[in-house]
Protein backbone atom coordinates (compact mmCIF):
# COMPACT_ATOMS: atom_id res chain seq x y z
CA MET A 1 5.65 -30.95 105.60
CA ILE A 2 7.57 -33.97 106.79
CA THR A 3 6.96 -37.06 104.69
CA GLN A 4 7.76 -40.70 105.18
CA VAL A 5 11.04 -40.55 103.34
CA VAL A 6 13.74 -41.91 105.59
CA PRO A 7 16.84 -43.93 104.80
CA PRO A 8 16.56 -47.71 104.96
CA TYR A 9 16.57 -48.85 108.58
CA TYR A 10 19.24 -51.47 107.84
CA LEU A 11 21.92 -48.96 106.70
CA THR A 12 23.63 -48.76 110.07
CA ASP A 13 26.65 -46.98 108.60
CA LEU A 14 24.46 -43.84 108.70
CA LYS A 15 24.74 -42.22 112.13
CA THR A 16 21.01 -41.53 112.35
CA VAL A 17 20.10 -45.13 111.61
CA ALA A 18 22.76 -46.45 114.00
CA LEU A 19 21.45 -44.21 116.80
CA TYR A 20 17.88 -45.29 116.02
CA ARG A 21 18.86 -48.97 116.14
CA ARG A 22 20.78 -48.55 119.42
CA SER A 23 17.89 -46.64 120.98
CA LEU A 24 15.34 -49.18 119.78
CA SER A 25 17.42 -52.05 121.20
CA LYS A 26 17.85 -50.29 124.52
CA TYR A 27 14.34 -48.96 125.12
CA MET A 28 12.16 -51.38 123.12
CA PRO A 29 14.20 -54.58 122.77
CA SER A 30 11.26 -56.67 121.58
CA SER A 31 10.46 -54.28 118.69
CA LYS A 32 11.85 -54.86 115.23
CA PRO A 33 13.24 -51.93 113.20
CA ASN A 34 10.95 -50.59 110.49
CA PHE A 35 10.42 -47.50 108.38
CA VAL A 36 7.52 -46.15 110.44
CA SER A 37 9.39 -46.23 113.76
CA LEU A 38 12.51 -44.77 112.11
CA GLU A 39 10.38 -41.89 110.86
CA GLY A 40 8.97 -41.55 114.36
CA PHE A 41 12.53 -41.27 115.61
CA VAL A 42 13.65 -38.72 113.00
CA ASP A 43 10.60 -36.40 113.04
CA PRO A 44 10.95 -35.27 116.68
CA THR A 45 14.64 -34.59 116.08
CA VAL A 46 13.69 -32.10 113.37
CA ILE A 47 10.94 -30.59 115.54
CA VAL A 48 13.37 -30.10 118.43
CA GLU A 49 15.81 -28.36 116.09
CA GLY A 50 13.02 -26.02 115.01
CA LEU A 51 12.16 -25.27 118.63
CA LYS A 52 15.82 -24.52 119.34
CA LYS A 53 15.84 -22.10 116.42
CA ALA A 54 12.67 -20.47 117.77
CA GLY A 55 14.59 -19.67 120.96
CA LYS A 56 12.47 -17.96 123.57
CA GLU A 57 9.77 -17.16 120.99
CA LEU A 58 7.71 -20.30 121.64
CA TRP A 59 4.32 -18.84 120.84
CA ARG A 60 2.70 -19.95 117.57
CA GLU A 61 4.48 -17.53 115.22
CA GLY A 62 7.85 -18.19 116.86
CA ARG A 63 7.43 -21.94 116.54
CA ILE A 64 6.42 -21.61 112.89
CA ARG A 65 9.40 -19.34 112.18
CA GLY A 66 11.72 -21.79 113.96
CA ILE A 67 10.43 -24.83 112.08
CA GLU A 68 10.50 -22.99 108.74
CA SER A 69 14.12 -22.02 109.35
CA VAL A 70 15.24 -25.65 109.42
CA HIS A 71 17.00 -26.10 106.07
CA ASP A 72 19.49 -28.80 105.17
CA PHE A 73 19.64 -29.99 108.78
CA ASP A 74 22.10 -32.88 109.12
CA ILE A 75 20.77 -35.31 111.67
CA GLY A 76 23.73 -37.64 111.62
CA GLY A 77 24.32 -38.70 108.05
CA THR A 78 20.78 -37.99 106.88
CA GLU A 79 20.01 -34.51 105.66
CA ALA A 80 16.57 -33.11 106.32
CA GLY A 81 15.96 -30.61 103.54
CA LEU A 82 12.85 -28.81 104.68
CA PHE A 83 10.82 -25.79 103.64
CA LYS A 84 12.86 -24.95 100.58
CA GLN A 85 9.67 -23.73 98.91
CA LYS A 86 7.46 -20.97 100.15
CA THR A 87 4.50 -22.34 102.07
CA THR A 88 1.32 -20.76 103.26
CA ARG A 89 0.89 -20.34 106.99
CA ASP A 90 -2.38 -22.25 106.79
CA SER A 91 -0.48 -25.41 105.91
CA ILE A 92 1.49 -25.34 109.18
CA THR A 93 -0.52 -25.28 112.35
């Protein structure tokens, strides 16, 4: 489960936050940085990493295996520590 726990959006010394702020300025210049949009920036990054780990096995089980294999993924100064506990398959759809 990914929760809304992201670093403060004003800590631009973190690579993830700096990339988020640059991307926000470039693609949505009238939008102000906030925690919700930063989470919306970080979450797909983690999902893409899981899909990369799934490789060519992109059916349901392969995607689940790929996402569950994302542990301590560094997304540029912010570590996404995911699935360190055993989960039930019903919780991930």
